[in-house]
């Protein structure tokens, strides 16, 4: 079953460009992992939004493990003005 994720991030203005760069780095790793169907970065006035789709929950877990093994920065910290909003989805 296909699964997806929509993650809204709210970086402070001073960290916005760096944050977008980090999202693109994660995107590139996701796209290289088996079963990742798409990964995109969208922006609005106050948010950076990641939208990712995988062919299965296992593929999603593999993508995240690969990003972690690559040492990419997924940390939530003071660079963000408010907590992330992450919605996990499953195709019906």
N, C-alpha and C. Protein backbone atom coordinates (compact mmCIF):
# COMPACT_ATOMS: atom_id res chain seq x y z
N UNK A 1 0.84 -1.17 0.00
CA UNK A 1 0.00 0.00 0.00
C UNK A 1 0.89 1.24 0.00
N UNK A 2 0.58 2.19 -0.87
CA UNK A 2 1.35 3.44 -0.91
C UNK A 2 1.12 4.24 0.36
N UNK A 3 2.19 4.89 0.81
CA UNK A 3 2.11 5.77 1.97
C UNK A 3 2.75 7.10 1.61
N UNK A 4 2.40 8.12 2.37
CA UNK A 4 2.95 9.44 2.12
C UNK A 4 3.13 10.21 3.40
N UNK A 5 3.73 11.37 3.23
CA UNK A 5 3.96 12.25 4.37
C UNK A 5 3.92 13.69 3.86
N UNK A 6 3.25 14.53 4.62
CA UNK A 6 3.28 15.96 4.40
C UNK A 6 3.81 16.57 5.69
N UNK A 7 4.97 17.20 5.59
CA UNK A 7 5.61 17.77 6.79
C UNK A 7 5.77 19.27 6.59
N UNK A 8 5.15 20.03 7.47
CA UNK A 8 5.26 21.49 7.42
C UNK A 8 6.25 21.93 8.49
N UNK A 9 7.24 22.69 8.05
CA UNK A 9 8.30 23.19 8.91
C UNK A 9 8.22 24.72 8.93
N UNK A 10 8.57 25.32 10.04
CA UNK A 10 8.44 26.77 10.20
C UNK A 10 9.77 27.38 10.65
N UNK A 11 10.74 27.45 9.75
CA UNK A 11 12.04 28.01 10.14
C UNK A 11 11.95 29.52 10.37
N UNK A 12 12.74 30.00 11.32
CA UNK A 12 12.89 31.45 11.48
C UNK A 12 13.47 32.01 10.19
N UNK A 13 13.16 33.25 9.89
CA UNK A 13 13.61 33.88 8.64
C UNK A 13 15.12 33.76 8.45
N UNK A 14 15.89 33.90 9.51
CA UNK A 14 17.35 33.84 9.41
C UNK A 14 17.85 32.46 8.97
N UNK A 15 17.04 31.41 9.17
CA UNK A 15 17.44 30.05 8.83
C UNK A 15 16.70 29.48 7.62
N UNK A 16 15.83 30.26 7.02
CA UNK A 16 14.96 29.76 5.95
C UNK A 16 15.74 29.16 4.78
N UNK A 17 16.70 29.88 4.23
CA UNK A 17 17.44 29.39 3.07
C UNK A 17 18.25 28.14 3.42
N UNK A 18 18.87 28.14 4.59
CA UNK A 18 19.60 26.96 5.04
C UNK A 18 18.65 25.78 5.19
N UNK A 19 17.48 26.03 5.74
CA UNK A 19 16.51 24.97 5.94
C UNK A 19 16.07 24.39 4.61
N UNK A 20 15.78 25.24 3.64
CA UNK A 20 15.38 24.77 2.31
C UNK A 20 16.50 23.92 1.70
N UNK A 21 17.73 24.34 1.87
CA UNK A 21 18.87 23.56 1.38
C UNK A 21 18.90 22.18 2.03
N UNK A 22 18.68 22.12 3.33
CA UNK A 22 18.68 20.83 4.04
C UNK A 22 17.54 19.94 3.54
N UNK A 23 16.37 20.52 3.29
CA UNK A 23 15.25 19.73 2.78
C UNK A 23 15.60 19.16 1.41
N UNK A 24 16.27 19.93 0.57
CA UNK A 24 16.67 19.43 -0.74
C UNK A 24 17.69 18.30 -0.62
N UNK A 25 18.58 18.38 0.34
CA UNK A 25 19.55 17.30 0.56
C UNK A 25 18.84 16.00 0.96
N UNK A 26 17.89 16.12 1.87
CA UNK A 26 17.12 14.95 2.30
C UNK A 26 16.32 14.40 1.12
N UNK A 27 15.73 15.29 0.34
CA UNK A 27 14.97 14.88 -0.83
C UNK A 27 15.82 14.03 -1.77
N UNK A 28 17.04 14.46 -2.03
CA UNK A 28 17.91 13.72 -2.94
C UNK A 28 18.19 12.31 -2.42
N UNK A 29 18.39 12.17 -1.12
CA UNK A 29 18.63 10.85 -0.55
C UNK A 29 17.36 10.01 -0.64
N UNK A 30 16.22 10.59 -0.28
CA UNK A 30 14.95 9.86 -0.39
C UNK A 30 14.77 9.31 -1.81
N UNK A 31 14.98 10.16 -2.80
CA UNK A 31 14.73 9.75 -4.19
C UNK A 31 15.66 8.63 -4.66
N UNK A 32 16.80 8.46 -4.02
CA UNK A 32 17.73 7.39 -4.38
C UNK A 32 17.41 6.07 -3.68
N UNK A 33 16.50 6.08 -2.72
CA UNK A 33 16.19 4.84 -2.01
C UNK A 33 15.08 4.09 -2.73
N UNK A 34 15.20 2.76 -2.77
CA UNK A 34 14.18 1.95 -3.44
C UNK A 34 12.80 2.20 -2.83
N UNK A 35 11.82 2.35 -3.68
CA UNK A 35 10.45 2.51 -3.23
C UNK A 35 9.99 3.92 -2.97
N UNK A 36 10.90 4.90 -3.06
CA UNK A 36 10.47 6.29 -2.93
C UNK A 36 9.95 6.73 -4.30
N UNK A 37 8.69 7.08 -4.36
CA UNK A 37 8.05 7.42 -5.63
C UNK A 37 8.17 8.89 -5.98
N UNK A 38 8.19 9.75 -4.98
CA UNK A 38 8.34 11.19 -5.22
C UNK A 38 8.71 11.88 -3.92
N UNK A 39 9.39 13.01 -4.07
CA UNK A 39 9.76 13.83 -2.91
C UNK A 39 9.89 15.26 -3.42
N UNK A 40 9.15 16.16 -2.79
CA UNK A 40 9.13 17.55 -3.24
C UNK A 40 9.26 18.50 -2.06
N UNK A 41 9.72 19.69 -2.36
CA UNK A 41 9.82 20.77 -1.39
C UNK A 41 8.98 21.93 -1.91
N UNK A 42 8.07 22.40 -1.09
CA UNK A 42 7.22 23.53 -1.43
C UNK A 42 7.42 24.60 -0.36
N UNK A 43 7.19 25.84 -0.71
CA UNK A 43 7.31 26.92 0.27
C UNK A 43 6.08 27.81 0.22
N UNK A 44 5.78 28.39 1.37
CA UNK A 44 4.74 29.43 1.47
C UNK A 44 5.39 30.58 2.22
N UNK A 45 4.60 31.56 2.55
CA UNK A 45 5.14 32.74 3.24
C UNK A 45 5.82 32.38 4.56
N UNK A 46 5.30 31.38 5.28
CA UNK A 46 5.88 31.05 6.59
C UNK A 46 6.34 29.61 6.74
N UNK A 47 6.11 28.77 5.75
CA UNK A 47 6.41 27.35 5.91
C UNK A 47 7.25 26.80 4.76
N UNK A 48 7.99 25.75 5.10
CA UNK A 48 8.67 24.91 4.12
C UNK A 48 8.00 23.55 4.26
N UNK A 49 7.44 23.05 3.16
CA UNK A 49 6.63 21.84 3.22
C UNK A 49 7.29 20.73 2.40
N UNK A 50 7.48 19.59 3.04
CA UNK A 50 8.00 18.40 2.37
C UNK A 50 6.83 17.48 2.08
N UNK A 51 6.75 17.01 0.83
CA UNK A 51 5.70 16.07 0.44
C UNK A 51 6.40 14.87 -0.19
N UNK A 52 6.23 13.70 0.44
CA UNK A 52 6.93 12.50 -0.01
C UNK A 52 5.93 11.36 -0.16
N UNK A 53 6.16 10.50 -1.17
CA UNK A 53 5.31 9.34 -1.40
C UNK A 53 6.20 8.11 -1.61
N UNK A 54 5.82 7.01 -0.95
CA UNK A 54 6.55 5.75 -1.05
C UNK A 54 5.60 4.65 -1.48
N UNK A 55 6.16 3.57 -1.98
CA UNK A 55 5.33 2.44 -2.40
C UNK A 55 4.85 1.61 -1.21
N UNK A 56 5.50 1.77 -0.04
CA UNK A 56 5.10 1.00 1.14
C UNK A 56 5.67 1.65 2.41
N UNK A 57 5.17 1.19 3.54
CA UNK A 57 5.69 1.64 4.83
C UNK A 57 7.16 1.22 4.98
N UNK A 58 7.48 0.04 4.48
CA UNK A 58 8.87 -0.45 4.55
C UNK A 58 9.80 0.47 3.75
N UNK A 59 9.36 0.92 2.58
CA UNK A 59 10.17 1.84 1.77
C UNK A 59 10.36 3.17 2.50
N UNK A 60 9.33 3.63 3.18
CA UNK A 60 9.45 4.86 3.97
C UNK A 60 10.50 4.69 5.06
N UNK A 61 10.42 3.59 5.79
CA UNK A 61 11.39 3.33 6.85
C UNK A 61 12.81 3.25 6.30
N UNK A 62 12.97 2.64 5.14
CA UNK A 62 14.28 2.54 4.50
C UNK A 62 14.81 3.93 4.16
N UNK A 63 13.95 4.78 3.62
CA UNK A 63 14.37 6.15 3.28
C UNK A 63 14.87 6.89 4.50
N UNK A 64 14.12 6.82 5.59
CA UNK A 64 14.54 7.53 6.80
C UNK A 64 15.83 6.95 7.37
N UNK A 65 15.98 5.63 7.34
CA UNK A 65 17.21 5.00 7.82
C UNK A 65 18.40 5.43 6.96
N UNK A 66 18.18 5.56 5.66
CA UNK A 66 19.25 5.97 4.75
C UNK A 66 19.66 7.41 5.01
N UNK A 67 18.70 8.28 5.25
CA UNK A 67 18.99 9.68 5.57
C UNK A 67 19.77 9.76 6.88
N UNK A 68 19.35 9.00 7.87
CA UNK A 68 20.05 8.99 9.16
C UNK A 68 21.48 8.49 8.99
N UNK A 69 21.66 7.41 8.22
CA UNK A 69 22.99 6.84 8.00
C UNK A 69 23.89 7.82 7.24
N UNK A 70 23.28 8.67 6.40
CA UNK A 70 24.05 9.66 5.65
C UNK A 70 24.46 10.85 6.52
N UNK A 71 23.95 10.90 7.75
CA UNK A 71 24.31 11.97 8.66
C UNK A 71 23.65 13.30 8.36
N UNK A 72 22.54 13.27 7.62
CA UNK A 72 21.85 14.52 7.31
C UNK A 72 21.08 15.02 8.53
N UNK A 73 20.94 16.32 8.62
CA UNK A 73 20.35 17.00 9.77
C UNK A 73 18.83 17.01 9.68
N UNK A 74 18.20 16.21 10.54
CA UNK A 74 16.74 16.20 10.64
C UNK A 74 16.26 16.78 11.97
N UNK A 75 17.16 17.36 12.72
CA UNK A 75 16.85 17.81 14.08
C UNK A 75 15.85 18.96 14.09
N UNK A 76 14.92 18.87 15.03
CA UNK A 76 14.05 20.00 15.35
C UNK A 76 14.74 20.75 16.48
N UNK A 77 14.96 22.04 16.28
CA UNK A 77 15.63 22.82 17.31
C UNK A 77 15.24 24.29 17.20
N UNK A 78 16.04 25.16 17.82
CA UNK A 78 15.71 26.59 17.90
C UNK A 78 15.69 27.29 16.54
N UNK A 79 16.13 26.63 15.47
CA UNK A 79 16.06 27.23 14.15
C UNK A 79 14.63 27.32 13.62
N UNK A 80 13.74 26.58 14.26
CA UNK A 80 12.34 26.59 13.86
C UNK A 80 11.51 27.36 14.88
N UNK A 81 10.56 28.14 14.37
CA UNK A 81 9.79 29.02 15.23
C UNK A 81 8.64 28.33 15.95
N UNK A 82 8.23 27.18 15.47
CA UNK A 82 7.17 26.41 16.12
C UNK A 82 7.30 24.95 15.72
N UNK A 83 6.64 24.06 16.44
CA UNK A 83 6.77 22.64 16.14
C UNK A 83 6.34 22.30 14.71
N UNK A 84 6.97 21.28 14.19
CA UNK A 84 6.62 20.77 12.87
C UNK A 84 5.25 20.12 12.91
N UNK A 85 4.58 20.18 11.80
CA UNK A 85 3.30 19.48 11.66
C UNK A 85 3.51 18.39 10.62
N UNK A 86 3.43 17.13 11.06
CA UNK A 86 3.69 16.01 10.17
C UNK A 86 2.43 15.16 10.08
N UNK A 87 1.97 14.96 8.86
CA UNK A 87 0.80 14.13 8.61
C UNK A 87 1.24 12.93 7.79
N UNK A 88 1.02 11.74 8.33
CA UNK A 88 1.32 10.49 7.61
C UNK A 88 0.05 10.07 6.89
N UNK A 89 0.19 9.60 5.67
CA UNK A 89 -0.95 9.23 4.85
C UNK A 89 -0.83 7.81 4.33
N UNK A 90 -1.96 7.16 4.06
CA UNK A 90 -1.99 5.85 3.43
C UNK A 90 -3.02 5.90 2.31
N UNK A 91 -2.65 5.35 1.17
CA UNK A 91 -3.57 5.33 0.02
C UNK A 91 -4.77 4.44 0.34
N UNK A 92 -5.90 4.82 -0.20
CA UNK A 92 -7.10 3.97 0.01
C UNK A 92 -7.63 3.48 -1.33
